[in-house]
Amino acid sequence: MKKLIPAVVVAAALVVPSLSFAQSSQQGLTRAQVRAELVQLEQAGYNPSGDRVNYPENLQAAQARVTQEKLASGDTSGYGAPAVGTSQAGGPAVQPAHVTPSQAVYFGH
């Protein structure tokens, strides 16, 4: 038992860096992509140095306008384009049959 605990600790210490390395393979935005997105937001009416009182609302409104423009123009190429279409996830595929109380699994128990 005394040898098992250090072995588990050493194994965990060896596994953790490999997991963090695997997560770092995802690439973020490039500077050019960030600048292009900022230009789109400014063209949609967002002023980054403007009204600091209503900051989140102004940015969200500009993002919504950019999204609507992309959807209206059919521009679904490039980074971060919104997906067009709908999905009906979360509902049951088949409606379950109605079970009367006398047919219940725990009837009489």
N, C-alpha and C. Protein backbone atom coordinates (compact mmCIF):
# COMPACT_ATOMS: atom_id res chain seq x y z
N MET A 1 0.83 -1.20 0.00
CA MET A 1 0.00 0.00 0.00
C MET A 1 0.87 1.25 0.00
N LYS A 2 2.01 1.16 0.73
CA LYS A 2 2.88 2.33 0.79
C LYS A 2 3.51 2.63 -0.57
N LYS A 3 3.73 1.63 -1.39
CA LYS A 3 4.33 1.83 -2.70
C LYS A 3 3.30 2.25 -3.73
N LEU A 4 2.02 1.96 -3.48
CA LEU A 4 0.97 2.29 -4.43
C LEU A 4 0.71 3.79 -4.49
N ILE A 5 0.69 4.44 -3.34
CA ILE A 5 0.37 5.87 -3.30
C ILE A 5 1.43 6.69 -4.04
N PRO A 6 2.72 6.49 -3.80
CA PRO A 6 3.70 7.27 -4.59
C PRO A 6 3.64 6.96 -6.09
N ALA A 7 3.32 5.73 -6.43
CA ALA A 7 3.21 5.38 -7.85
C ALA A 7 2.06 6.12 -8.51
N VAL A 8 0.95 6.24 -7.80
CA VAL A 8 -0.21 6.97 -8.33
C VAL A 8 0.12 8.46 -8.45
N VAL A 9 0.81 9.01 -7.47
CA VAL A 9 1.18 10.42 -7.51
C VAL A 9 2.12 10.69 -8.68
N VAL A 10 3.09 9.83 -8.89
CA VAL A 10 4.02 10.01 -10.00
C VAL A 10 3.30 9.88 -11.33
N ALA A 11 2.40 8.91 -11.44
CA ALA A 11 1.64 8.74 -12.69
C ALA A 11 0.78 9.96 -12.97
N ALA A 12 0.14 10.50 -11.95
CA ALA A 12 -0.68 11.70 -12.13
C ALA A 12 0.18 12.89 -12.52
N ALA A 13 1.36 12.99 -11.92
CA ALA A 13 2.26 14.10 -12.26
C ALA A 13 2.74 14.01 -13.70
N LEU A 14 2.86 12.81 -14.23
CA LEU A 14 3.28 12.65 -15.62
C LEU A 14 2.14 12.88 -16.60
N VAL A 15 0.91 12.61 -16.19
CA VAL A 15 -0.24 12.74 -17.08
C VAL A 15 -0.69 14.19 -17.21
N VAL A 16 -0.64 14.97 -16.15
CA VAL A 16 -1.16 16.33 -16.15
C VAL A 16 -0.48 17.21 -17.21
N PRO A 17 0.84 17.23 -17.33
CA PRO A 17 1.43 18.08 -18.39
C PRO A 17 1.03 17.65 -19.80
N SER A 18 0.85 16.37 -20.02
CA SER A 18 0.46 15.94 -21.36
C SER A 18 -0.96 16.41 -21.68
N LEU A 19 -1.83 16.46 -20.69
CA LEU A 19 -3.19 16.96 -20.92
C LEU A 19 -3.18 18.45 -21.21
N SER A 20 -2.37 19.21 -20.48
CA SER A 20 -2.32 20.64 -20.73
C SER A 20 -1.68 20.94 -22.08
N PHE A 21 -0.74 20.13 -22.51
CA PHE A 21 -0.14 20.31 -23.83
C PHE A 21 -1.15 20.02 -24.92
N ALA A 22 -2.00 19.03 -24.71
CA ALA A 22 -3.01 18.68 -25.71
C ALA A 22 -4.02 19.81 -25.86
N GLN A 23 -4.30 20.52 -24.79
CA GLN A 23 -5.27 21.61 -24.86
C GLN A 23 -4.69 22.84 -25.53
N SER A 24 -3.38 23.01 -25.54
CA SER A 24 -2.79 24.21 -26.10
C SER A 24 -2.71 24.17 -27.62
N SER A 25 -3.12 23.09 -28.25
CA SER A 25 -3.04 22.99 -29.70
C SER A 25 -4.12 23.82 -30.40
N GLN A 26 -5.13 24.26 -29.68
CA GLN A 26 -6.17 25.07 -30.29
C GLN A 26 -5.63 26.47 -30.53
N GLN A 27 -5.81 26.96 -31.74
CA GLN A 27 -5.30 28.28 -32.07
C GLN A 27 -6.37 29.32 -31.81
N GLY A 28 -5.94 30.45 -31.31
CA GLY A 28 -6.85 31.56 -31.08
C GLY A 28 -6.93 32.42 -32.33
N LEU A 29 -7.41 33.62 -32.14
CA LEU A 29 -7.52 34.57 -33.25
C LEU A 29 -6.17 35.20 -33.54
N THR A 30 -5.93 35.49 -34.79
CA THR A 30 -4.73 36.24 -35.15
C THR A 30 -5.03 37.73 -34.98
N ARG A 31 -3.99 38.53 -34.99
CA ARG A 31 -4.19 39.97 -34.86
C ARG A 31 -5.00 40.52 -36.03
N ALA A 32 -4.75 39.99 -37.20
CA ALA A 32 -5.49 40.45 -38.38
C ALA A 32 -6.98 40.15 -38.24
N GLN A 33 -7.31 38.97 -37.69
CA GLN A 33 -8.72 38.63 -37.51
C GLN A 33 -9.37 39.53 -36.47
N VAL A 34 -8.65 39.85 -35.41
CA VAL A 34 -9.20 40.73 -34.38
C VAL A 34 -9.41 42.13 -34.94
N ARG A 35 -8.44 42.62 -35.71
CA ARG A 35 -8.58 43.96 -36.31
C ARG A 35 -9.74 44.00 -37.30
N ALA A 36 -9.89 42.95 -38.09
CA ALA A 36 -11.00 42.91 -39.05
C ALA A 36 -12.34 42.89 -38.33
N GLU A 37 -12.41 42.15 -37.23
CA GLU A 37 -13.66 42.11 -36.46
C GLU A 37 -13.95 43.47 -35.83
N LEU A 38 -12.91 44.15 -35.34
CA LEU A 38 -13.10 45.47 -34.76
C LEU A 38 -13.57 46.47 -35.81
N VAL A 39 -13.03 46.38 -37.01
CA VAL A 39 -13.47 47.27 -38.10
C VAL A 39 -14.93 47.01 -38.42
N GLN A 40 -15.34 45.74 -38.47
CA GLN A 40 -16.75 45.42 -38.72
C GLN A 40 -17.64 46.00 -37.63
N LEU A 41 -17.21 45.89 -36.37
CA LEU A 41 -18.01 46.43 -35.27
C LEU A 41 -18.10 47.95 -35.36
N GLU A 42 -17.00 48.61 -35.71
CA GLU A 42 -17.03 50.06 -35.84
C GLU A 42 -17.94 50.49 -36.99
N GLN A 43 -17.95 49.73 -38.08
CA GLN A 43 -18.84 50.04 -39.20
C GLN A 43 -20.29 49.82 -38.82
N ALA A 44 -20.54 48.95 -37.84
CA ALA A 44 -21.90 48.69 -37.39
C ALA A 44 -22.35 49.69 -36.34
N GLY A 45 -21.48 50.65 -35.98
CA GLY A 45 -21.89 51.70 -35.07
C GLY A 45 -21.26 51.63 -33.69
N TYR A 46 -20.33 50.73 -33.45
CA TYR A 46 -19.69 50.63 -32.14
C TYR A 46 -18.49 51.55 -32.09
N ASN A 47 -18.37 52.32 -31.01
CA ASN A 47 -17.24 53.21 -30.81
C ASN A 47 -16.49 52.73 -29.57
N PRO A 48 -15.30 52.13 -29.72
CA PRO A 48 -14.61 51.57 -28.57
C PRO A 48 -14.19 52.61 -27.54
N SER A 49 -13.99 53.83 -27.93
CA SER A 49 -13.59 54.86 -26.97
C SER A 49 -14.77 55.72 -26.56
N GLY A 50 -15.95 55.32 -26.90
CA GLY A 50 -17.14 56.13 -26.64
C GLY A 50 -17.76 55.86 -25.28
N ASP A 51 -19.04 55.70 -25.28
CA ASP A 51 -19.88 55.59 -24.09
C ASP A 51 -19.46 54.40 -23.22
N ARG A 52 -18.81 54.69 -22.10
CA ARG A 52 -18.36 53.62 -21.21
C ARG A 52 -19.43 53.21 -20.20
N VAL A 53 -20.48 53.99 -20.11
CA VAL A 53 -21.55 53.66 -19.17
C VAL A 53 -22.36 52.47 -19.69
N ASN A 54 -22.63 52.45 -20.98
CA ASN A 54 -23.43 51.38 -21.59
C ASN A 54 -22.56 50.42 -22.39
N TYR A 55 -21.36 50.13 -21.88
CA TYR A 55 -20.39 49.34 -22.64
C TYR A 55 -20.90 47.99 -23.13
N PRO A 56 -21.38 47.12 -22.29
CA PRO A 56 -21.74 45.80 -22.84
C PRO A 56 -22.90 45.87 -23.82
N GLU A 57 -23.87 46.73 -23.54
CA GLU A 57 -25.04 46.82 -24.41
C GLU A 57 -24.66 47.33 -25.79
N ASN A 58 -23.78 48.35 -25.85
CA ASN A 58 -23.37 48.89 -27.14
C ASN A 58 -22.62 47.85 -27.97
N LEU A 59 -21.73 47.12 -27.34
CA LEU A 59 -20.96 46.10 -28.05
C LEU A 59 -21.87 44.97 -28.52
N GLN A 60 -22.78 44.53 -27.66
CA GLN A 60 -23.68 43.44 -28.03
C GLN A 60 -24.61 43.86 -29.16
N ALA A 61 -25.06 45.10 -29.15
CA ALA A 61 -25.93 45.59 -30.22
C ALA A 61 -25.16 45.62 -31.55
N ALA A 62 -23.91 46.06 -31.51
CA ALA A 62 -23.11 46.09 -32.73
C ALA A 62 -22.83 44.67 -33.23
N GLN A 63 -22.57 43.75 -32.32
CA GLN A 63 -22.35 42.35 -32.72
C GLN A 63 -23.61 41.77 -33.35
N ALA A 64 -24.76 42.12 -32.81
CA ALA A 64 -26.03 41.63 -33.38
C ALA A 64 -26.23 42.19 -34.78
N ARG A 65 -25.89 43.48 -34.99
CA ARG A 65 -26.02 44.07 -36.32
C ARG A 65 -25.08 43.40 -37.32
N VAL A 66 -23.85 43.11 -36.89
CA VAL A 66 -22.89 42.43 -37.78
C VAL A 66 -23.41 41.05 -38.13
N THR A 67 -23.95 40.34 -37.15
CA THR A 67 -24.49 39.00 -37.39
C THR A 67 -25.65 39.06 -38.37
N GLN A 68 -26.55 40.04 -38.19
CA GLN A 68 -27.68 40.18 -39.10
C GLN A 68 -27.22 40.51 -40.51
N GLU A 69 -26.20 41.35 -40.62
CA GLU A 69 -25.67 41.69 -41.95
C GLU A 69 -25.08 40.46 -42.63
N LYS A 70 -24.37 39.64 -41.86
CA LYS A 70 -23.78 38.42 -42.43
C LYS A 70 -24.87 37.45 -42.87
N LEU A 71 -25.91 37.32 -42.06
CA LEU A 71 -27.01 36.42 -42.43
C LEU A 71 -27.75 36.94 -43.65
N ALA A 72 -27.95 38.25 -43.71
CA ALA A 72 -28.69 38.83 -44.84
C ALA A 72 -27.90 38.71 -46.14
N SER A 73 -26.59 38.87 -46.05
CA SER A 73 -25.78 38.79 -47.27
C SER A 73 -25.40 37.37 -47.64
N GLY A 74 -25.68 36.43 -46.76
CA GLY A 74 -25.36 35.04 -47.03
C GLY A 74 -23.88 34.74 -46.87
N ASP A 75 -23.16 35.61 -46.19
CA ASP A 75 -21.72 35.42 -45.99
C ASP A 75 -21.51 34.45 -44.83
N THR A 76 -21.36 33.19 -45.16
CA THR A 76 -21.12 32.19 -44.12
C THR A 76 -19.71 31.63 -44.22
N SER A 77 -18.85 32.31 -44.94
CA SER A 77 -17.47 31.86 -45.03
C SER A 77 -16.61 32.69 -44.08
N GLY A 78 -15.45 32.18 -43.75
CA GLY A 78 -14.55 32.91 -42.89
C GLY A 78 -14.72 32.53 -41.44
N TYR A 79 -14.01 33.20 -40.59
CA TYR A 79 -13.99 32.86 -39.18
C TYR A 79 -15.24 33.37 -38.47
N GLY A 80 -15.84 32.55 -37.69
CA GLY A 80 -16.93 32.96 -36.81
C GLY A 80 -18.25 33.24 -37.49
N ALA A 81 -18.46 32.79 -38.67
CA ALA A 81 -19.73 33.03 -39.33
C ALA A 81 -20.83 32.24 -38.61
N PRO A 82 -21.98 32.84 -38.40
CA PRO A 82 -23.05 32.13 -37.71
C PRO A 82 -23.62 31.01 -38.57
N ALA A 83 -24.01 29.97 -37.94
CA ALA A 83 -24.61 28.84 -38.65
C ALA A 83 -26.04 29.18 -39.03
N VAL A 84 -26.41 28.87 -40.24
CA VAL A 84 -27.76 29.14 -40.72
C VAL A 84 -28.55 27.85 -40.62
N GLY A 85 -29.75 27.93 -40.06
CA GLY A 85 -30.58 26.74 -39.94
C GLY A 85 -31.06 26.58 -38.51
N THR A 86 -31.85 25.57 -38.30
CA THR A 86 -32.38 25.32 -36.97
C THR A 86 -32.15 23.87 -36.60
N SER A 87 -32.31 23.61 -35.33
CA SER A 87 -32.15 22.26 -34.81
C SER A 87 -33.19 22.05 -33.74
N GLN A 88 -33.75 20.87 -33.68
CA GLN A 88 -34.72 20.55 -32.66
C GLN A 88 -34.13 19.49 -31.74
N ALA A 89 -33.21 19.90 -30.93
CA ALA A 89 -32.56 18.97 -30.01
C ALA A 89 -33.23 19.05 -28.65
N GLY A 90 -33.17 17.97 -27.92
CA GLY A 90 -33.67 17.96 -26.56
C GLY A 90 -35.03 17.33 -26.39
N GLY A 91 -35.78 17.15 -27.44
CA GLY A 91 -37.10 16.54 -27.33
C GLY A 91 -37.03 15.05 -27.55
N PRO A 92 -38.00 14.32 -27.05
CA PRO A 92 -37.98 12.87 -27.28
C PRO A 92 -38.29 12.56 -28.74
N ALA A 93 -37.64 11.54 -29.27
CA ALA A 93 -37.85 11.15 -30.66
C ALA A 93 -39.24 10.55 -30.85
N VAL A 94 -39.70 9.80 -29.87
CA VAL A 94 -41.00 9.16 -29.93
C VAL A 94 -41.75 9.52 -28.66
N GLN A 95 -43.01 9.87 -28.79
CA GLN A 95 -43.81 10.17 -27.61
C GLN A 95 -44.09 8.88 -26.84
N PRO A 96 -43.85 8.86 -25.54
CA PRO A 96 -44.11 7.63 -24.77
C PRO A 96 -45.62 7.37 -24.66
N ALA A 97 -45.97 6.11 -24.58
CA ALA A 97 -47.38 5.74 -24.43
C ALA A 97 -47.86 6.12 -23.04
N HIS A 98 -49.12 6.49 -22.94
CA HIS A 98 -49.69 6.86 -21.65
C HIS A 98 -49.91 5.60 -20.81
N VAL A 99 -49.41 5.61 -19.60
CA VAL A 99 -49.51 4.46 -18.71
C VAL A 99 -50.53 4.78 -17.63
N THR A 100 -51.52 3.92 -17.50
CA THR A 100 -52.52 4.10 -16.45
C THR A 100 -51.92 3.65 -15.12
N PRO A 101 -52.48 4.11 -14.00
CA PRO A 101 -51.92 3.72 -12.70
C PRO A 101 -51.90 2.20 -12.48
N SER A 102 -52.85 1.47 -13.03
CA SER A 102 -52.85 0.02 -12.82
C SER A 102 -51.76 -0.68 -13.63
N GLN A 103 -51.21 0.00 -14.64
CA GLN A 103 -50.14 -0.57 -15.44
C GLN A 103 -48.75 -0.13 -14.96
N ALA A 104 -48.68 0.69 -13.95
CA ALA A 104 -47.41 1.20 -13.47
C ALA A 104 -46.56 0.08 -12.90
N VAL A 105 -45.27 0.28 -12.90
CA VAL A 105 -44.33 -0.73 -12.44
C VAL A 105 -44.54 -1.03 -10.96
N TYR A 106 -44.82 -0.02 -10.16
CA TYR A 106 -44.92 -0.20 -8.71
C TYR A 106 -46.36 -0.34 -8.25
N PHE A 107 -47.27 -0.70 -9.13
CA PHE A 107 -48.67 -0.83 -8.74
C PHE A 107 -48.83 -1.97 -7.74
N GLY A 108 -49.42 -1.68 -6.62
CA GLY A 108 -49.69 -2.68 -5.60
C GLY A 108 -48.57 -2.85 -4.60
N HIS A 109 -47.51 -2.09 -4.70
CA HIS A 109 -46.40 -2.24 -3.75
C HIS A 109 -46.44 -1.16 -2.72
